[in-house]
Amino acid sequence: MTILPKKSLGQNFLTDINIINKIIDIGDINKKDDILEVGPGTGNLTKEIIKKKPKKIFLIEKDKLLYRNIKKEFKNKINIFNEDILKTNEKNLSNKKLTVFGNLPYNISTQILAKWILNCNSSFWYKKLILMFQKDVAERITAKTNTKNYGRLSIISNWKLKITKHFDVSRNCFYPKPRVESSVLSFIPELKHVKFQNAKNLEVVTRVFFSQKRKMINKPIKQLFNNSNEILNKLKINLNLRPQNLSKEIYFEITKEYENLAN
């Protein structure tokens, strides 16, 4: 049976077995592991995960036809749910920390990543994320201060995760071919990171700054704080800088001050 990818769901199925095996190797799967795969599609990656014989495999597939096909093909080797990953409570899947694989739909990849970062307030439900993104999105995730790709996504992603870029993936490795190349990144939780009262406050602060990224930082500081001069003096921030010139640590400090103000 031929599966026709749905453009509305951002479906591009990974078909290259060499790339699939390289992705599997990053996961370093053992027989005690519980695995979550997001968007298994036609099951090409799933087959290789099964060969590693982890303890449990959970799959989240939004497409009903793909869900039925995968359930029929792999039967009791997997636990599959016909759900939207953006609405899934992953903490309910397992009492163990999951290793997560995902060839994420391009149209919602950053929403998924933000959810997995911002919703982990006290503890992480995953031990490692191995995710594929559109290459330009991966470049934004891994961007450093003072570079053109540095922005909200860079700061939020690097808040409490150690990120490694592994390799790029040619568009020829997919069916149908996407218009752009992809990149595979892994994310490992860092137990020591800045704690906020509410992670969404970091999202608020970075949104205010990067909605006017070409402006000097005086304007967003005034937008966030009535006592802007006091905050600038306390944090010793140069008013001539622009949002991309501030390190992630400065944004963490600004977010702390924003929360203090709210109290």
C-alpha atoms as a PDB file:
ATOM      1  CA  MET A   1       0.000   0.000   0.000  1.00  0.00           C
ATOM      2  CA  THR A   2       1.426   3.388  -1.025  1.00  0.00           C
ATOM      3  CA  ILE A   3       1.383   6.031   1.688  1.00  0.00           C
ATOM      4  CA  LEU A   4       0.932   9.554   0.374  1.00  0.00           C
ATOM      5  CA  PRO A   5       2.587  12.102   2.701  1.00  0.00           C
ATOM      6  CA  LYS A   6       0.334  14.877   3.968  1.00  0.00           C
ATOM      7  CA  LYS A   7       1.668  18.366   3.424  1.00  0.00           C
ATOM      8  CA  SER A   8      -0.666  19.686   6.144  1.00  0.00           C
ATOM      9  CA  LEU A   9       1.182  17.559   8.727  1.00  0.00           C
ATOM     10  CA  GLY A  10       4.627  18.444   7.412  1.00  0.00           C
ATOM     11  CA  GLN A  11       5.339  14.805   6.530  1.00  0.00           C
ATOM     12  CA  ASN A  12       8.696  13.939   4.959  1.00  0.00           C
ATOM     13  CA  PHE A  13       9.580  10.287   5.569  1.00  0.00           C
ATOM     14  CA  LEU A  14      13.230   9.423   6.227  1.00  0.00           C
ATOM     15  CA  THR A  15      14.185   6.535   3.937  1.00  0.00           C
ATOM     16  CA  ASP A  16      18.004   6.365   3.998  1.00  0.00           C
ATOM     17  CA  ILE A  17      19.044   3.342   6.109  1.00  0.00           C
ATOM     18  CA  ASN A  18      22.569   4.669   6.691  1.00  0.00           C
ATOM     19  CA  ILE A  19      21.220   7.895   8.198  1.00  0.00           C
ATOM     20  CA  ILE A  20      18.669   5.922  10.207  1.00  0.00           C
ATOM     21  CA  ASN A  21      21.428   3.766  11.720  1.00  0.00           C
ATOM     22  CA  LYS A  22      23.550   6.834  12.508  1.00  0.00           C
ATOM     23  CA  ILE A  23      20.588   8.311  14.395  1.00  0.00           C
ATOM     24  CA  ILE A  24      20.009   5.040  16.284  1.00  0.00           C
ATOM     25  CA  ASP A  25      23.683   4.956  17.310  1.00  0.00           C
ATOM     26  CA  ILE A  26      23.374   8.375  18.971  1.00  0.00           C
ATOM     27  CA  GLY A  27      20.699   6.917  21.259  1.00  0.00           C
ATOM     28  CA  ASP A  28      23.018   4.167  22.548  1.00  0.00           C
ATOM     29  CA  ILE A  29      19.935   2.026  23.301  1.00  0.00           C
ATOM     30  CA  ASN A  30      20.168  -0.776  25.860  1.00  0.00           C
ATOM     31  CA  LYS A  31      17.688  -3.413  27.019  1.00  0.00           C
ATOM     32  CA  LYS A  32      16.639  -1.409  30.092  1.00  0.00           C
ATOM     33  CA  ASP A  33      15.668   1.691  28.104  1.00  0.00           C
ATOM     34  CA  ASP A  34      12.195   3.024  27.452  1.00  0.00           C
ATOM     35  CA  ILE A  35      12.020   4.768  24.072  1.00  0.00           C
ATOM     36  CA  LEU A  36       9.644   7.385  22.707  1.00  0.00           C
ATOM     37  CA  GLU A  37       9.490   8.009  18.979  1.00  0.00           C
ATOM     38  CA  VAL A  38       7.528  11.024  17.774  1.00  0.00           C
ATOM     39  CA  GLY A  39       5.975  10.814  14.314  1.00  0.00           C
ATOM     40  CA  PRO A  40       7.118   7.331  13.277  1.00  0.00           C
ATOM     41  CA  GLY A  41       5.524   7.794   9.841  1.00  0.00           C
ATOM     42  CA  THR A  42       6.093   4.630   7.803  1.00  0.00           C
ATOM     43  CA  GLY A  43       8.091   2.969  10.600  1.00  0.00           C
ATOM     44  CA  ASN A  44      11.558   3.028   9.017  1.00  0.00           C
ATOM     45  CA  LEU A  45      13.257   4.236  12.204  1.00  0.00           C
ATOM     46  CA  THR A  46      10.922   2.155  14.376  1.00  0.00           C
ATOM     47  CA  LYS A  47      12.148  -1.080  12.773  1.00  0.00           C
ATOM     48  CA  GLU A  48      15.727  -0.303  13.720  1.00  0.00           C
ATOM     49  CA  ILE A  49      14.767   0.710  17.273  1.00  0.00           C
ATOM     50  CA  ILE A  50      12.991  -2.634  17.708  1.00  0.00           C
ATOM     51  CA  LYS A  51      16.168  -4.479  16.654  1.00  0.00           C
ATOM     52  CA  LYS A  52      17.969  -2.925  19.662  1.00  0.00           C
ATOM     53  CA  LYS A  53      15.406  -4.618  21.979  1.00  0.00           C
ATOM     54  CA  PRO A  54      14.723  -1.807  24.455  1.00  0.00           C
ATOM     55  CA  LYS A  55      12.376  -2.594  27.341  1.00  0.00           C
ATOM     56  CA  LYS A  56       9.463  -0.535  25.982  1.00  0.00           C
ATOM     57  CA  ILE A  57       8.779   1.505  22.854  1.00  0.00           C
ATOM     58  CA  PHE A  58       6.159   4.268  22.806  1.00  0.00           C
ATOM     59  CA  LEU A  59       5.075   5.913  19.562  1.00  0.00           C
ATOM     60  CA  ILE A  60       3.013   9.067  19.074  1.00  0.00           C
ATOM     61  CA  GLU A  61       1.453   9.376  15.609  1.00  0.00           C
ATOM     62  CA  LYS A  62      -1.173  11.983  14.767  1.00  0.00           C
ATOM     63  CA  ASP A  63      -2.039  10.629  11.300  1.00  0.00           C
ATOM     64  CA  LYS A  64      -4.796   7.992  11.670  1.00  0.00           C
ATOM     65  CA  LEU A  65      -3.805   6.005   8.585  1.00  0.00           C
ATOM     66  CA  LEU A  66      -0.139   5.829   9.613  1.00  0.00           C
ATOM     67  CA  TYR A  67      -1.201   4.964  13.163  1.00  0.00           C
ATOM     68  CA  ARG A  68      -3.277   2.013  11.926  1.00  0.00           C
ATOM     69  CA  ASN A  69      -0.531   0.778   9.592  1.00  0.00           C
ATOM     70  CA  ILE A  70       2.170   0.901  12.278  1.00  0.00           C
ATOM     71  CA  LYS A  71      -0.083  -0.787  14.833  1.00  0.00           C
ATOM     72  CA  LYS A  72      -0.844  -3.557  12.353  1.00  0.00           C
ATOM     73  CA  GLU A  73       2.802  -4.035  11.338  1.00  0.00           C
ATOM     74  CA  PHE A  74       4.489  -4.023  14.740  1.00  0.00           C
ATOM     75  CA  LYS A  75       1.606  -5.285  16.939  1.00  0.00           C
ATOM     76  CA  ASN A  76       2.674  -5.937  20.540  1.00  0.00           C
ATOM     77  CA  LYS A  77       6.282  -4.833  19.954  1.00  0.00           C
ATOM     78  CA  ILE A  78       5.235  -1.222  20.441  1.00  0.00           C
ATOM     79  CA  ASN A  79       2.759   0.965  22.361  1.00  0.00           C
ATOM     80  CA  ILE A  80       1.311   3.445  19.909  1.00  0.00           C
ATOM     81  CA  PHE A  81      -0.998   6.393  20.531  1.00  0.00           C
ATOM     82  CA  ASN A  82      -2.983   8.294  17.921  1.00  0.00           C
ATOM     83  CA  GLU A  83      -2.409  11.741  19.429  1.00  0.00           C
ATOM     84  CA  ASP A  84      -1.085  15.211  18.756  1.00  0.00           C
ATOM     85  CA  ILE A  85       2.335  15.436  20.424  1.00  0.00           C
ATOM     86  CA  LEU A  86       1.656  19.052  21.389  1.00  0.00           C
ATOM     87  CA  LYS A  87      -1.259  17.806  23.535  1.00  0.00           C
ATOM     88  CA  THR A  88       0.402  14.665  24.901  1.00  0.00           C
ATOM     89  CA  ASN A  89       1.424  14.399  28.555  1.00  0.00           C
ATOM     90  CA  GLU A  90       4.661  12.470  28.095  1.00  0.00           C
ATOM     91  CA  LYS A  91       5.140  12.044  31.850  1.00  0.00           C
ATOM     92  CA  ASN A  92       2.246   9.577  31.855  1.00  0.00           C
ATOM     93  CA  LEU A  93       3.921   7.201  29.395  1.00  0.00           C
ATOM     94  CA  SER A  94       6.553   5.710  31.669  1.00  0.00           C
ATOM     95  CA  ASN A  95       7.888   5.927  35.206  1.00  0.00           C
ATOM     96  CA  LYS A  96      11.396   5.898  33.709  1.00  0.00           C
ATOM     97  CA  LYS A  97      13.187   8.682  31.865  1.00  0.00           C
ATOM     98  CA  LEU A  98      12.754   8.242  28.140  1.00  0.00           C
ATOM     99  CA  THR A  99      15.187   8.378  25.251  1.00  0.00           C
ATOM    100  CA  VAL A 100      13.334  10.331  22.575  1.00  0.00           C
ATOM    101  CA  PHE A 101      13.715  10.086  18.795  1.00  0.00           C
ATOM    102  CA  GLY A 102      11.938  12.424  16.436  1.00  0.00           C
ATOM    103  CA  ASN A 103      12.058  13.417  12.777  1.00  0.00           C
ATOM    104  CA  LEU A 104       9.949  16.406  13.739  1.00  0.00           C
ATOM    105  CA  PRO A 105       7.439  17.975  11.326  1.00  0.00           C
ATOM    106  CA  TYR A 106       9.062  21.188  10.090  1.00  0.00           C
ATOM    107  CA  ASN A 107       5.929  23.225  10.716  1.00  0.00           C
ATOM    108  CA  ILE A 108       5.767  22.535  14.491  1.00  0.00           C
ATOM    109  CA  SER A 109       9.317  21.468  15.414  1.00  0.00           C
ATOM    110  CA  THR A 110      10.119  24.578  17.472  1.00  0.00           C
ATOM    111  CA  GLN A 111       6.774  24.366  19.298  1.00  0.00           C
ATOM    112  CA  ILE A 112       7.537  20.777  20.301  1.00  0.00           C
ATOM    113  CA  LEU A 113      11.024  21.648  21.535  1.00  0.00           C
ATOM    114  CA  ALA A 114       9.779  24.683  23.481  1.00  0.00           C
ATOM    115  CA  LYS A 115       7.114  22.532  25.125  1.00  0.00           C
ATOM    116  CA  TRP A 116       9.704  19.960  26.220  1.00  0.00           C
ATOM    117  CA  ILE A 117      11.920  22.664  27.699  1.00  0.00           C
ATOM    118  CA  LEU A 118       9.440  25.053  29.302  1.00  0.00           C
ATOM    119  CA  ASN A 119       7.109  22.397  30.761  1.00  0.00           C
ATOM    120  CA  CYS A 120       9.874  20.621  32.706  1.00  0.00           C
ATOM    121  CA  ASN A 121       9.789  22.835  35.785  1.00  0.00           C
ATOM    122  CA  SER A 122      11.131  20.586  38.535  1.00  0.00           C
ATOM    123  CA  SER A 123      12.368  17.455  36.772  1.00  0.00           C
ATOM    124  CA  PHE A 124      12.957  16.025  33.315  1.00  0.00           C
ATOM    125  CA  TRP A 125      10.880  13.132  31.951  1.00  0.00           C
ATOM    126  CA  TYR A 126      13.554  12.413  29.322  1.00  0.00           C
ATOM    127  CA  LYS A 127      17.227  11.521  29.586  1.00  0.00           C
ATOM    128  CA  LYS A 128      18.080  12.387  25.995  1.00  0.00           C
ATOM    129  CA  LEU A 129      16.403  13.920  22.945  1.00  0.00           C
ATOM    130  CA  ILE A 130      17.644  12.964  19.463  1.00  0.00           C
ATOM    131  CA  LEU A 131      15.804  15.196  17.036  1.00  0.00           C
ATOM    132  CA  MET A 132      15.925  16.193  13.401  1.00  0.00           C
ATOM    133  CA  PHE A 133      15.191  19.767  12.399  1.00  0.00           C
ATOM    134  CA  GLN A 134      15.224  21.820   9.251  1.00  0.00           C
ATOM    135  CA  LYS A 135      18.874  22.936   8.961  1.00  0.00           C
ATOM    136  CA  ASP A 136      18.178  26.646   9.407  1.00  0.00           C
ATOM    137  CA  VAL A 137      16.178  25.901  12.586  1.00  0.00           C
ATOM    138  CA  ALA A 138      19.069  23.805  13.920  1.00  0.00           C
ATOM    139  CA  GLU A 139      21.377  26.749  13.238  1.00  0.00           C
ATOM    140  CA  ARG A 140      19.111  29.018  15.290  1.00  0.00           C
ATOM    141  CA  ILE A 141      19.007  26.488  18.138  1.00  0.00           C
ATOM    142  CA  THR A 142      22.803  26.215  18.319  1.00  0.00           C
ATOM    143  CA  ALA A 143      23.626  29.864  17.543  1.00  0.00           C
ATOM    144  CA  LYS A 144      26.065  31.782  19.759  1.00  0.00           C
ATOM    145  CA  THR A 145      25.849  35.365  21.018  1.00  0.00           C
ATOM    146  CA  ASN A 146      26.749  38.056  18.431  1.00  0.00           C
ATOM    147  CA  THR A 147      25.774  35.917  15.438  1.00  0.00           C
ATOM    148  CA  LYS A 148      22.911  36.552  13.012  1.00  0.00           C
ATOM    149  CA  ASN A 149      21.023  33.359  13.971  1.00  0.00           C
ATOM    150  CA  TYR A 150      21.130  34.053  17.719  1.00  0.00           C
ATOM    151  CA  GLY A 151      17.734  34.736  19.218  1.00  0.00           C
ATOM    152  CA  ARG A 152      14.920  33.512  21.433  1.00  0.00           C
ATOM    153  CA  LEU A 153      15.217  29.907  20.309  1.00  0.00           C
ATOM    154  CA  SER A 154      18.974  29.853  21.036  1.00  0.00           C
ATOM    155  CA  ILE A 155      18.494  31.223  24.564  1.00  0.00           C
ATOM    156  CA  ILE A 156      15.556  28.993  25.535  1.00  0.00           C
ATOM    157  CA  SER A 157      17.138  25.849  24.043  1.00  0.00           C
ATOM    158  CA  ASN A 158      20.471  26.407  25.789  1.00  0.00           C
ATOM    159  CA  TRP A 159      18.900  27.309  29.132  1.00  0.00           C
ATOM    160  CA  LYS A 160      19.064  23.812  30.652  1.00  0.00           C
ATOM    161  CA  LEU A 161      20.108  21.467  27.860  1.00  0.00           C
ATOM    162  CA  LYS A 162      23.532  20.516  26.546  1.00  0.00           C
ATOM    163  CA  ILE A 163      23.169  20.515  22.760  1.00  0.00           C
ATOM    164  CA  THR A 164      25.317  18.626  20.263  1.00  0.00           C
ATOM    165  CA  LYS A 165      25.040  18.875  16.497  1.00  0.00           C
ATOM    166  CA  HIS A 166      25.835  15.478  14.967  1.00  0.00           C
ATOM    167  CA  PHE A 167      25.430  15.809  11.198  1.00  0.00           C
ATOM    168  CA  ASP A 168      23.446  17.309   8.338  1.00  0.00           C
ATOM    169  CA  VAL A 169      21.046  15.210   6.276  1.00  0.00           C
ATOM    170  CA  SER A 170      20.594  15.685   2.538  1.00  0.00           C
ATOM    171  CA  ARG A 171      17.100  16.314   1.204  1.00  0.00           C
ATOM    172  CA  ASN A 172      17.655  13.217  -0.990  1.00  0.00           C
ATOM    173  CA  CYS A 173      17.300  11.028   2.121  1.00  0.00           C
ATOM    174  CA  PHE A 174      13.547  11.742   2.369  1.00  0.00           C
ATOM    175  CA  TYR A 175      10.332  10.978   0.563  1.00  0.00           C
ATOM    176  CA  PRO A 176       9.082  13.358  -0.622  1.00  0.00           C
ATOM    177  CA  LYS A 177      12.205  15.507  -0.896  1.00  0.00           C
ATOM    178  CA  PRO A 178      11.910  18.610   1.276  1.00  0.00           C
ATOM    179  CA  ARG A 179      13.140  21.890  -0.141  1.00  0.00           C
ATOM    180  CA  VAL A 180      15.931  22.174   2.414  1.00  0.00           C
ATOM    181  CA  GLU A 181      18.522  20.089   4.200  1.00  0.00           C
ATOM    182  CA  SER A 182      18.060  18.860   7.764  1.00  0.00           C
ATOM    183  CA  SER A 183      20.300  18.510  10.812  1.00  0.00           C
ATOM    184  CA  VAL A 184      20.335  15.999  13.673  1.00  0.00           C
ATOM    185  CA  LEU A 185      20.837  17.395  17.178  1.00  0.00           C
ATOM    186  CA  SER A 186      20.900  15.741  20.579  1.00  0.00           C
ATOM    187  CA  PHE A 187      19.887  17.370  23.867  1.00  0.00           C
ATOM    188  CA  ILE A 188      20.927  16.179  27.318  1.00  0.00           C
ATOM    189  CA  PRO A 189      19.429  17.780  30.457  1.00  0.00           C
ATOM    190  CA  GLU A 190      21.791  19.753  32.668  1.00  0.00           C
ATOM    191  CA  LEU A 191      20.819  19.340  36.296  1.00  0.00           C
ATOM    192  CA  LYS A 192      22.557  22.579  37.294  1.00  0.00           C
ATOM    193  CA  HIS A 193      20.789  25.459  35.614  1.00  0.00           C
ATOM    194  CA  VAL A 194      19.177  28.768  36.555  1.00  0.00           C
ATOM    195  CA  LYS A 195      15.806  28.237  38.240  1.00  0.00           C
ATOM    196  CA  PHE A 196      12.844  30.493  37.503  1.00  0.00           C
ATOM    197  CA  GLN A 197       9.535  30.789  39.333  1.00  0.00           C
ATOM    198  CA  ASN A 198       7.835  30.217  35.991  1.00  0.00           C
ATOM    199  CA  ALA A 199       9.748  29.173  32.875  1.00  0.00           C
ATOM    200  CA  LYS A 200       7.269  31.100  30.726  1.00  0.00           C
ATOM    201  CA  ASN A 201       8.824  34.333  32.050  1.00  0.00           C
ATOM    202  CA  LEU A 202      11.988  33.602  30.067  1.00  0.00           C
ATOM    203  CA  GLU A 203       9.766  33.291  27.011  1.00  0.00           C
ATOM    204  CA  VAL A 204       8.146  36.665  27.789  1.00  0.00           C
ATOM    205  CA  VAL A 205      11.462  38.473  28.275  1.00  0.00           C
ATOM    206  CA  THR A 206      13.091  37.095  25.132  1.00  0.00           C
ATOM    207  CA  ARG A 207       9.984  37.811  23.070  1.00  0.00           C
ATOM    208  CA  VAL A 208       9.999  41.469  24.105  1.00  0.00           C
ATOM    209  CA  PHE A 209      13.694  41.847  23.235  1.00  0.00           C
ATOM    210  CA  PHE A 210      13.715  40.003  19.931  1.00  0.00           C
ATOM    211  CA  SER A 211      10.486  41.487  18.605  1.00  0.00           C
ATOM    212  CA  GLN A 212      12.650  44.580  18.045  1.00  0.00           C
ATOM    213  CA  LYS A 213      16.018  42.917  17.544  1.00  0.00           C
ATOM    214  CA  ARG A 214      17.527  45.707  15.437  1.00  0.00           C
ATOM    215  CA  LYS A 215      16.818  48.335  18.094  1.00  0.00           C
ATOM    216  CA  MET A 216      19.131  49.154  20.984  1.00  0.00           C
ATOM    217  CA  ILE A 217      18.109  47.480  24.225  1.00  0.00           C
ATOM    218  CA  ASN A 218      16.892  50.617  25.981  1.00  0.00           C
ATOM    219  CA  LYS A 219      13.416  50.222  24.489  1.00  0.00           C
ATOM    220  CA  PRO A 220      12.697  46.609  25.575  1.00  0.00           C
ATOM    221  CA  ILE A 221      14.185  47.305  29.027  1.00  0.00           C
ATOM    222  CA  LYS A 222      11.770  50.239  29.447  1.00  0.00           C
ATOM    223  CA  GLN A 223       8.924  48.060  28.220  1.00  0.00           C
ATOM    224  CA  LEU A 224       9.639  45.443  30.896  1.00  0.00           C
ATOM    225  CA  PHE A 225      10.649  47.704  33.812  1.00  0.00           C
ATOM    226  CA  ASN A 226       9.395  51.021  35.147  1.00  0.00           C
ATOM    227  CA  ASN A 227      12.702  51.433  36.993  1.00  0.00           C
ATOM    228  CA  SER A 228      14.765  50.731  33.862  1.00  0.00           C
ATOM    229  CA  ASN A 229      17.803  52.813  34.925  1.00  0.00           C
ATOM    230  CA  GLU A 230      18.037  50.947  38.211  1.00  0.00           C
ATOM    231  CA  ILE A 231      17.970  47.589  36.395  1.00  0.00           C
ATOM    232  CA  LEU A 232      20.566  48.727  33.850  1.00  0.00           C
ATOM    233  CA  ASN A 233      22.898  49.885  36.631  1.00  0.00           C
ATOM    234  CA  LYS A 234      22.411  46.732  38.648  1.00  0.00           C
ATOM    235  CA  LEU A 235      23.159  44.432  35.705  1.00  0.00           C
ATOM    236  CA  LYS A 236      25.769  46.791  34.198  1.00  0.00           C
ATOM    237  CA  ILE A 237      24.275  46.562  30.718  1.00  0.00           C
ATOM    238  CA  ASN A 238      25.492  48.851  27.940  1.00  0.00           C
ATOM    239  CA  LEU A 239      22.535  50.698  26.374  1.00  0.00           C
ATOM    240  CA  ASN A 240      24.235  50.733  22.973  1.00  0.00           C
ATOM    241  CA  LEU A 241      23.968  46.976  22.666  1.00  0.00           C
ATOM    242  CA  ARG A 242      21.328  45.183  20.634  1.00  0.00           C
ATOM    243  CA  PRO A 243      19.447  42.019  21.676  1.00  0.00           C
ATOM    244  CA  GLN A 244      21.816  39.659  19.817  1.00  0.00           C
ATOM    245  CA  ASN A 245      24.780  41.134  21.760  1.00  0.00           C
ATOM    246  CA  LEU A 246      23.517  39.953  25.175  1.00  0.00           C
ATOM    247  CA  SER A 247      24.600  36.526  26.416  1.00  0.00           C
ATOM    248  CA  LYS A 248      22.061  33.949  27.539  1.00  0.00           C
ATOM    249  CA  GLU A 249      23.269  34.530  31.127  1.00  0.00           C
ATOM    250  CA  ILE A 250      22.255  38.199  30.893  1.00  0.00           C
ATOM    251  CA  TYR A 251      18.792  37.162  29.717  1.00  0.00           C
ATOM    252  CA  PHE A 252      18.548  34.809  32.687  1.00  0.00           C
ATOM    253  CA  GLU A 253      19.432  37.688  35.031  1.00  0.00           C
ATOM    254  CA  ILE A 254      16.893  39.993  33.366  1.00  0.00           C
ATOM    255  CA  THR A 255      14.234  37.290  33.747  1.00  0.00           C
ATOM    256  CA  LYS A 256      15.075  36.986  37.463  1.00  0.00           C
ATOM    257  CA  GLU A 257      14.636  40.736  37.873  1.00  0.00           C
ATOM    258  CA  TYR A 258      11.370  40.593  35.937  1.00  0.00           C
ATOM    259  CA  GLU A 259      10.089  37.935  38.337  1.00  0.00           C
ATOM    260  CA  ASN A 260      11.197  39.969  41.365  1.00  0.00           C
ATOM    261  CA  LEU A 261       9.227  42.896  40.007  1.00  0.00           C
ATOM    262  CA  ALA A 262       6.123  40.731  39.678  1.00  0.00           C
ATOM    263  CA  ASN A 263       6.417  39.825  43.368  1.00  0.00           C
END
